[in-house]
N, C-alpha and C. Protein backbone atom coordinates (compact mmCIF):
# COMPACT_ATOMS: atom_id res chain seq x y z
N MET A 1 -5.35 19.51 -8.54
CA MET A 1 -4.95 20.33 -9.97
C MET A 1 -5.68 20.34 -11.14
N ASN A 2 -5.77 21.25 -11.53
CA ASN A 2 -6.70 21.75 -12.87
C ASN A 2 -6.22 20.97 -14.30
N TRP A 3 -7.11 21.12 -15.15
CA TRP A 3 -6.80 20.62 -16.58
C TRP A 3 -5.15 21.50 -17.46
N LYS A 4 -5.45 22.54 -17.03
CA LYS A 4 -4.65 23.64 -17.45
C LYS A 4 -3.02 23.67 -17.01
N GLU A 5 -3.34 23.41 -15.76
CA GLU A 5 -1.72 23.00 -14.95
C GLU A 5 -1.26 21.40 -15.71
N GLU A 6 -2.07 20.44 -15.55
CA GLU A 6 -1.77 19.33 -15.67
C GLU A 6 -1.05 19.25 -17.37
N TYR A 7 -1.70 19.87 -18.38
CA TYR A 7 -1.35 20.54 -20.06
C TYR A 7 0.27 20.88 -19.59
N LYS A 8 0.14 21.74 -18.59
CA LYS A 8 1.52 22.29 -19.29
C LYS A 8 2.88 21.49 -19.33
N GLN A 9 2.50 20.29 -18.80
CA GLN A 9 3.63 19.23 -18.73
C GLN A 9 3.88 18.42 -20.41
N PHE A 10 2.93 18.87 -20.68
CA PHE A 10 2.65 17.94 -22.45
C PHE A 10 3.22 18.82 -23.24
N THR A 11 3.01 19.98 -23.02
CA THR A 11 3.75 21.64 -24.23
C THR A 11 4.83 22.01 -23.80
N GLY A 12 5.49 22.57 -24.97
CA GLY A 12 6.88 23.42 -24.34
C GLY A 12 6.68 24.62 -25.39
N ASN A 13 5.43 25.13 -26.04
CA ASN A 13 4.97 25.73 -27.14
C ASN A 13 5.07 27.01 -26.36
N LYS A 14 5.27 27.92 -26.09
CA LYS A 14 5.04 29.19 -25.23
C LYS A 14 3.59 29.89 -25.38
N LYS A 15 3.52 29.81 -27.01
CA LYS A 15 1.88 30.47 -27.64
C LYS A 15 0.61 29.46 -26.32
N GLU A 16 1.11 28.32 -26.65
CA GLU A 16 0.16 27.49 -25.87
C GLU A 16 0.19 27.68 -24.28
N LEU A 17 1.60 28.01 -23.87
CA LEU A 17 1.85 27.93 -22.20
C LEU A 17 1.30 29.67 -21.84
N ASP A 18 1.23 30.42 -23.06
CA ASP A 18 0.44 31.79 -22.58
C ASP A 18 -0.80 31.75 -22.84
N LEU A 19 -1.51 31.03 -23.29
CA LEU A 19 -3.31 30.79 -23.59
C LEU A 19 -3.57 30.03 -22.01
N LEU A 20 -2.76 29.02 -21.35
CA LEU A 20 -2.91 28.02 -20.67
C LEU A 20 -3.33 29.39 -19.18
N GLU A 21 -2.01 30.36 -19.40
CA GLU A 21 -1.70 31.48 -18.09
C GLU A 21 -2.76 32.36 -18.22
N ASN A 22 -3.24 32.62 -19.62
CA ASN A 22 -3.97 33.89 -19.51
C ASN A 22 -5.22 34.44 -19.90
N GLY A 23 -5.67 33.04 -20.53
CA GLY A 23 -6.40 32.49 -21.38
C GLY A 23 -6.79 33.11 -22.45
N ALA A 24 -7.87 32.78 -23.64
CA ALA A 24 -7.98 33.55 -24.43
C ALA A 24 -8.49 34.86 -25.03
N LYS A 25 -7.79 35.48 -25.74
CA LYS A 25 -8.22 36.90 -25.98
C LYS A 25 -8.85 37.12 -27.28
N SER A 26 -9.40 36.12 -28.01
CA SER A 26 -9.59 36.16 -29.08
C SER A 26 -10.77 35.32 -29.50
N LEU A 27 -12.00 34.88 -30.58
CA LEU A 27 -12.59 33.87 -31.07
C LEU A 27 -11.53 32.78 -31.25
N ALA A 28 -10.04 32.77 -31.99
CA ALA A 28 -9.48 31.63 -32.79
C ALA A 28 -8.51 31.02 -31.36
N GLU A 29 -7.95 31.95 -30.41
CA GLU A 29 -7.53 31.76 -29.30
C GLU A 29 -8.50 30.87 -28.57
N SER A 30 -9.87 31.02 -28.44
CA SER A 30 -10.63 30.33 -27.75
C SER A 30 -10.71 28.97 -28.21
N TRP A 31 -10.73 28.85 -30.14
CA TRP A 31 -11.00 27.10 -30.52
C TRP A 31 -9.49 26.32 -30.02
N HIS A 32 -8.51 27.35 -30.06
CA HIS A 32 -7.32 26.36 -29.74
C HIS A 32 -7.11 25.98 -28.10
N LEU A 33 -7.56 26.72 -27.33
CA LEU A 33 -7.73 26.31 -26.17
C LEU A 33 -8.23 25.30 -25.62
N GLN A 34 -10.28 25.45 -26.94
CA GLN A 34 -10.62 23.97 -26.58
C GLN A 34 -10.09 22.21 -27.19
N ALA A 35 -9.04 23.23 -28.55
CA ALA A 35 -8.39 22.20 -28.89
C ALA A 35 -7.56 21.08 -28.19
N MET A 36 -6.82 21.94 -27.04
CA MET A 36 -5.58 21.67 -26.12
C MET A 36 -6.84 20.92 -24.81
N TYR A 37 -8.02 21.27 -24.63
CA TYR A 37 -8.44 20.85 -23.84
C TYR A 37 -8.97 19.26 -23.99
N ASN A 38 -9.16 19.29 -25.56
CA ASN A 38 -9.78 17.66 -25.83
C ASN A 38 -8.80 17.07 -25.79
N LYS A 39 -7.31 17.61 -26.03
CA LYS A 39 -6.19 16.40 -26.54
C LYS A 39 -6.20 16.49 -25.11
N TRP A 40 -5.67 17.16 -23.90
CA TRP A 40 -5.73 16.76 -22.58
C TRP A 40 -6.70 15.46 -22.33
N LYS A 41 -8.21 15.49 -22.89
CA LYS A 41 -9.04 14.21 -22.28
C LYS A 41 -8.82 13.16 -22.78
N ARG A 42 -8.26 13.19 -24.34
CA ARG A 42 -7.48 12.06 -24.92
C ARG A 42 -6.60 11.55 -24.09
N LEU A 43 -5.45 12.38 -23.92
CA LEU A 43 -4.17 11.63 -22.90
C LEU A 43 -4.60 11.20 -22.16
N LYS A 44 -5.65 11.71 -21.21
CA LYS A 44 -6.33 10.74 -19.95
C LYS A 44 -6.88 10.07 -20.05
N GLY A 45 -7.63 9.59 -21.06
CA GLY A 45 -8.60 8.44 -21.61
C GLY A 45 -9.97 8.84 -20.93
N ILE A 46 -10.40 10.54 -21.13
CA ILE A 46 -11.91 10.80 -20.60
C ILE A 46 -12.11 10.72 -21.57
N SER A 47 -13.25 9.98 -21.86
CA SER A 47 -14.70 10.24 -22.72
C SER A 47 -15.69 11.36 -22.69
N ASP A 48 -16.12 11.49 -23.80
CA ASP A 48 -17.70 12.43 -23.53
C ASP A 48 -18.74 11.56 -23.70
N GLU A 49 -18.92 10.17 -24.56
CA GLU A 49 -19.88 9.23 -24.71
C GLU A 49 -20.26 8.52 -23.55
N HIS A 50 -21.62 8.52 -23.80
CA HIS A 50 -22.20 7.84 -22.56
C HIS A 50 -22.54 7.00 -23.07
N PRO A 51 -22.73 5.73 -22.20
CA PRO A 51 -23.10 4.41 -22.66
C PRO A 51 -24.61 4.35 -23.20
């Protein structure tokens, strides 16, 4: 399962579900998608910081 499929469990927002299904069609939508990815990483406890 990829992050997009997993994130669907955390949102009921129709716009977010559409982004997850169909991808971004504008720069603003790509920013929103990136924010959703970052939120998913926080929910999963995934860190970008290196020791």
